Protein backbone atom coordinates (compact mmCIF):
# COMPACT_ATOMS: atom_id res chain seq x y z
CA MET A 1 -12.89 95.38 231.19
CA LYS A 2 -13.46 94.72 227.29
CA LYS A 3 -12.36 91.65 226.11
CA GLN A 4 -9.87 91.52 223.19
CA GLN A 5 -11.42 90.94 219.84
CA ILE A 6 -9.94 88.24 217.76
CA PRO A 7 -9.16 89.51 214.27
CA THR A 8 -11.14 87.52 211.70
CA GLN A 9 -11.29 86.97 207.90
CA VAL A 10 -14.40 86.21 205.92
CA ILE A 11 -13.94 83.86 203.24
CA SER A 12 -16.15 84.37 200.51
CA THR A 13 -17.09 82.28 197.23
CA ASP A 14 -17.46 85.68 195.15
CA LYS A 15 -14.71 85.98 192.82
CA LEU A 16 -12.14 88.29 193.98
CA SER A 17 -10.84 91.05 191.61
CA TRP A 18 -7.33 91.07 190.63
CA ILE A 19 -6.54 93.83 192.88
CA SER A 20 -8.09 92.13 195.33
CA TYR A 21 -6.71 88.85 194.70
CA GLY A 22 -3.05 90.93 194.60
CA ARG A 23 -3.40 91.78 198.23
CA ASN A 24 -4.71 88.60 199.66
CA LEU A 25 -1.30 86.88 198.23
CA TRP A 26 0.40 90.12 200.07
CA ARG A 27 -1.20 89.41 202.76
CA TYR A 28 0.13 85.75 202.92
CA ARG A 29 3.60 86.54 201.76
CA SER A 30 5.35 85.11 204.69
CA LEU A 31 3.77 81.74 204.39
CA ILE A 32 5.89 81.65 201.18
CA GLY A 33 9.14 81.83 202.64
CA VAL A 34 7.96 79.39 205.39
CA LEU A 35 7.25 76.58 202.81
CA ALA A 36 10.29 77.46 200.70
CA TYR A 37 12.24 76.82 203.88
CA ARG A 38 10.46 73.60 204.73
CA ASP A 39 11.18 72.54 201.13
CA TRP A 40 14.88 73.08 201.29
CA LYS A 41 15.08 71.66 204.94
CA ILE A 42 13.33 68.62 203.85
CA LYS A 43 15.34 67.99 200.82
CA TYR A 44 18.75 67.85 202.94
CA ALA A 45 17.51 66.26 205.97
CA GLN A 46 19.30 63.55 207.59
CA THR A 47 21.90 63.67 204.59
CA ALA A 48 25.74 63.46 204.93
CA LEU A 49 26.65 66.23 202.56
CA GLY A 50 23.82 68.17 203.26
CA VAL A 51 23.52 71.17 200.55
CA THR A 52 26.66 70.28 198.99
CA TRP A 53 24.40 67.73 196.85
CA SER A 54 23.62 70.81 194.95
CA LEU A 55 26.52 71.51 193.95
CA LEU A 56 27.68 67.67 193.07
CA GLN A 57 24.79 66.99 190.86
CA PRO A 58 25.29 69.71 188.33
CA LEU A 59 29.17 69.35 188.74
CA ALA A 60 28.69 65.47 187.98
CA THR A 61 26.68 66.36 184.62
CA LEU A 62 29.33 69.01 183.77
CA LEU A 63 31.92 66.15 183.43
CA ILE A 64 30.06 64.31 181.49
CA PHE A 65 29.20 66.88 178.98
CA VAL A 66 33.15 68.02 178.91
CA PHE A 67 33.86 64.06 178.26
CA PHE A 68 31.50 63.62 175.58
CA PHE A 69 31.16 67.32 173.63
CA GLN A 70 34.86 68.39 174.09
CA GLN A 71 37.07 65.06 174.21
CA VAL A 72 34.53 62.51 171.94
CA ILE A 73 32.17 65.00 170.01
CA ASP A 74 34.43 67.92 169.99
CA LEU A 75 32.11 71.09 170.11
CA SER A 76 34.48 73.46 172.10
CA LYS A 77 35.34 74.91 168.52
CA SER A 78 31.87 76.50 168.10
CA VAL A 79 32.51 78.38 171.51
CA SER A 80 34.81 81.38 171.74
CA TYR A 81 35.46 80.77 175.44
CA PRO A 82 36.03 77.55 177.29
CA TYR A 83 33.39 75.07 176.87
CA ALA A 84 33.05 74.04 180.44
CA VAL A 85 32.10 77.60 181.41
CA PHE A 86 29.87 77.71 178.10
CA ALA A 87 28.12 74.14 179.44
CA PHE A 88 27.79 74.81 183.25
CA SER A 89 26.23 78.26 182.55
CA GLY A 90 23.60 76.59 180.58
CA LEU A 91 23.37 73.89 182.97
CA ILE A 92 22.29 75.55 185.95
CA CYS A 93 19.73 77.35 184.33
CA TRP A 94 18.41 74.21 182.90
CA GLN A 95 18.19 72.56 186.20
CA TYR A 96 16.78 75.68 187.85
CA PHE A 97 13.88 75.24 184.94
CA SER A 98 13.32 71.94 185.31
CA PHE A 99 13.15 71.88 189.05
CA HIS A 100 9.99 74.08 188.64
CA VAL A 101 8.68 71.39 185.87
CA ASN A 102 8.98 68.50 188.34
CA GLN A 103 8.70 70.19 191.66
CA GLY A 104 6.58 73.09 190.92
CA GLY A 105 4.28 70.99 188.68
CA ALA A 106 3.13 68.76 191.47
CA SER A 107 3.63 71.18 194.26
CA LEU A 108 -0.38 71.36 194.63
CA ILE A 109 -0.27 67.39 194.91
CA HIS A 110 2.11 67.71 197.77
CA ALA A 111 0.31 70.50 199.54
CA THR A 112 -3.07 68.76 199.67
CA GLU A 113 -3.24 68.30 203.47
CA LEU A 114 -2.05 71.75 203.98
CA ILE A 115 -4.74 73.16 201.60
CA LYS A 116 -7.29 70.87 203.40
CA LYS A 117 -6.35 72.21 207.02
CA ILE A 118 -6.06 76.28 206.16
CA TYR A 119 -7.16 78.83 203.92
CA PHE A 120 -4.44 80.77 201.79
CA PRO A 121 -3.94 81.74 198.16
CA ASN A 122 -3.02 78.54 196.64
CA LEU A 123 -0.92 80.36 193.93
CA ILE A 124 1.51 80.75 197.21
CA VAL A 125 2.34 76.84 197.10
CA PRO A 126 4.15 77.43 193.17
CA LEU A 127 5.54 80.64 194.34
CA SER A 128 7.41 78.67 197.12
CA LYS A 129 9.21 76.52 194.85
CA THR A 130 10.34 79.08 192.81
CA LEU A 131 12.07 80.83 195.96
CA SER A 132 13.50 77.22 197.24
CA GLY A 133 14.79 76.27 193.60
CA LEU A 134 16.71 79.46 194.28
CA ALA A 135 18.82 78.45 196.81
CA ASP A 136 20.47 75.65 195.19
CA MET A 137 20.65 78.06 192.03
CA GLY A 138 22.78 80.48 194.40
CA ALA A 139 25.15 77.75 195.28
CA ALA A 140 25.68 77.02 191.57
CA LEU A 141 26.28 80.32 190.56
CA ALA A 142 29.29 80.47 193.40
CA ALA A 143 30.30 77.25 191.86
CA LEU A 144 30.32 78.81 188.13
CA GLY A 145 32.24 81.73 189.56
CA ILE A 146 35.02 79.80 190.62
CA ILE A 147 35.27 77.87 187.19
CA MET A 148 35.27 80.96 185.43
CA PHE A 149 38.18 82.35 188.01
CA PHE A 150 39.76 78.64 186.88
CA TYR A 151 39.67 79.54 183.09
CA GLU A 152 40.29 83.22 183.14
CA VAL A 153 37.09 83.98 181.91
CA SER A 154 36.00 87.92 183.31
CA PRO A 155 32.43 89.21 182.96
CA GLY A 156 32.19 92.63 181.92
CA TRP A 157 29.63 95.78 182.63
CA ARG A 158 26.78 93.36 181.43
CA LEU A 159 27.18 91.63 184.83
CA LEU A 160 25.13 94.46 186.27
CA ALA A 161 22.22 93.32 184.72
CA LEU A 162 22.71 89.96 186.24
CA PRO A 163 19.54 90.49 188.98
CA ALA A 164 17.54 91.46 186.05
CA VAL A 165 18.29 88.26 184.19
CA LEU A 166 17.86 86.25 187.38
CA ALA A 167 14.20 87.73 187.55
CA VAL A 168 13.46 86.63 184.03
CA GLN A 169 14.71 82.81 185.15
CA MET A 170 12.49 82.94 187.95
CA LEU A 171 9.81 84.36 185.91
CA LEU A 172 10.15 81.72 183.24
CA GLY A 173 10.46 78.74 186.08
CA LEU A 174 6.99 80.39 187.39
CA SER A 175 5.15 80.67 184.52
CA VAL A 176 5.66 76.65 183.93
CA SER A 177 5.11 75.91 187.18
CA ILE A 178 1.64 77.66 187.47
CA TRP A 179 0.64 76.02 184.54
CA LEU A 180 1.75 72.41 185.49
CA SER A 181 0.36 72.61 188.89
CA ALA A 182 -3.10 73.85 187.64
CA LEU A 183 -3.13 70.95 185.30
CA THR A 184 -1.42 68.37 187.34
CA ILE A 185 -3.81 68.57 190.20
CA ARG A 186 -6.61 67.23 187.60
CA TYR A 187 -4.73 65.40 184.99
CA ARG A 188 -2.66 62.89 187.27
CA ASP A 189 -0.94 61.48 184.32
CA LEU A 190 1.01 64.43 183.81
CA GLN A 191 3.41 63.37 186.74
CA HIS A 192 4.55 60.49 184.83
CA ILE A 193 5.18 62.35 181.37
CA LEU A 194 6.89 65.69 182.77
CA PRO A 195 10.30 63.96 183.65
CA HIS A 196 10.20 62.67 179.90
CA LEU A 197 9.72 65.79 178.62
CA ILE A 198 12.68 67.01 180.37
CA ASN A 199 14.81 64.63 179.16
CA PHE A 200 13.70 65.39 175.57
CA GLY A 201 13.32 69.09 175.92
CA ILE A 202 17.04 69.45 176.78
CA TRP A 203 17.77 68.63 173.37
CA LEU A 204 16.06 71.58 172.14
CA THR A 205 17.71 73.68 174.27
CA PRO A 206 21.22 75.28 173.72
CA VAL A 207 22.37 73.90 176.94
CA PHE A 208 25.75 71.80 175.90
CA TYR A 209 25.55 73.14 172.51
CA PRO A 210 25.59 76.51 170.95
CA GLY A 211 22.57 77.84 168.91
CA THR A 212 24.58 78.56 165.69
CA LEU A 213 24.75 74.93 165.22
CA ILE A 214 20.76 74.71 164.79
CA PRO A 215 20.36 74.79 160.62
CA GLY A 216 18.32 77.94 159.69
CA ARG A 217 15.23 76.11 158.80
CA TYR A 218 14.93 74.72 162.55
CA SER A 219 15.81 78.16 164.18
CA ILE A 220 12.65 79.24 164.80
CA VAL A 221 11.96 76.45 166.81
CA LEU A 222 15.17 77.53 169.19
CA TYR A 223 13.92 81.10 169.20
CA CYS A 224 10.62 80.27 170.47
CA ASN A 225 11.79 78.26 173.25
CA PRO A 226 11.45 80.31 176.14
CA ALA A 227 14.12 78.33 177.95
CA ALA A 228 16.60 78.84 175.40
CA SER A 229 15.97 82.45 175.39
CA ALA A 230 16.43 82.89 179.23
CA ILE A 231 19.83 80.70 179.11
CA GLU A 232 21.04 82.87 175.93
CA LEU A 233 20.34 86.00 178.17
CA PHE A 234 21.96 84.62 180.89
CA ARG A 235 25.37 83.55 179.36
CA TRP A 236 25.39 87.24 177.64
CA SER A 237 25.18 88.65 181.03
CA ILE A 238 27.89 87.28 182.30
CA ILE A 239 30.34 86.53 179.70
CA GLU A 240 31.77 89.34 178.14
CA GLY A 241 31.63 89.26 174.33
CA GLN A 242 28.93 86.80 174.61
CA PRO A 243 26.57 88.09 171.67
CA PHE A 244 22.57 87.81 172.09
CA ASN A 245 20.59 87.19 168.89
CA LEU A 246 17.26 89.40 169.17
CA SER A 247 15.49 86.88 167.88
CA TYR A 248 15.49 85.14 171.13
CA THR A 249 12.99 88.07 172.26
CA TYR A 250 10.18 85.72 170.60
CA GLY A 251 10.65 83.19 173.50
CA LEU A 252 10.72 86.11 176.24
CA ALA A 253 7.52 87.26 174.58
CA ILE A 254 5.91 83.52 174.62
CA MET A 255 7.34 83.67 178.66
CA ILE A 256 4.96 86.81 179.60
CA VAL A 257 2.13 85.30 177.60
CA LEU A 258 2.48 81.74 179.73
CA LEU A 259 2.98 83.80 182.64
CA ILE A 260 -0.03 86.07 182.48
CA SER A 261 -2.31 83.35 181.12
CA GLY A 262 -0.95 80.88 183.73
CA ILE A 263 -2.19 83.23 186.31
CA TRP A 264 -5.51 83.75 184.78
CA TYR A 265 -6.09 79.86 184.35
CA PHE A 266 -4.84 79.08 187.80
CA ARG A 267 -7.04 81.85 189.25
CA HIS A 268 -9.99 80.28 187.14
CA THR A 269 -9.49 76.50 188.48
CA GLU A 270 -8.28 77.36 192.03
CA ASP A 271 -11.82 77.27 193.25
CA ARG A 272 -12.25 73.62 192.28
CA VAL A 273 -8.57 72.40 193.88
CA SER A 274 -10.37 70.95 196.58
CA ASP A 275 -12.99 68.72 194.64
CA TYR A 276 -9.70 67.25 192.98
CA ILE A 277 -7.54 66.54 196.06
């Protein structure tokens, strides 16, 4: 009776081609879901409210925005629909983006024990963060639907483009996550800088204010901001009559460049990850 052969995989130090690397990622695709579910489960483990926290945080921030920017500094006149819908639609996109900056940026550092024990393409780690963050965004989208129903804001036919728009949100977060995870594993000081960059970045992004308030001489800064482009595209897809300035395509083009260059840089440094952990 022949012994059953155990499948083996040879790990070589030779650089894989792009096609071989893509096949390798596909071979380990189930690990992305496992890591994403683990992160999501740990995040809400032993909490009284569980996943409800994913709704309370953006809703609490929304109340602050509505109070200051509708009651104290009235920005609602600059928007053609209820300010709460405007602010919350930008807020959930921004929080998904900031999740990638904070969690995705340190993803390799948090996975050092796993990386040391088993072999898998390290790109799977930031990919899993994109998936785990999407779960919270899904809950926030449901809350947005309730807010739109309350204010009688109806989406139009452009809602059909929402899946593609959400894909843009994922690619934006992934592009930043890949870059930061590769840089942070080597330059650990970035862990302390990133939260401050997020706090500053929200002022350069039309989350709680419309982009039309930015003076024309500074508009190029807004249009080249990929996060601003993704937020404006999201609003365009869910709110009937919401315009989309074609100048925001500059930001989308920059996002694509960031994604491609980020994957290239990650592959370039992936072989040396074990030297830094």
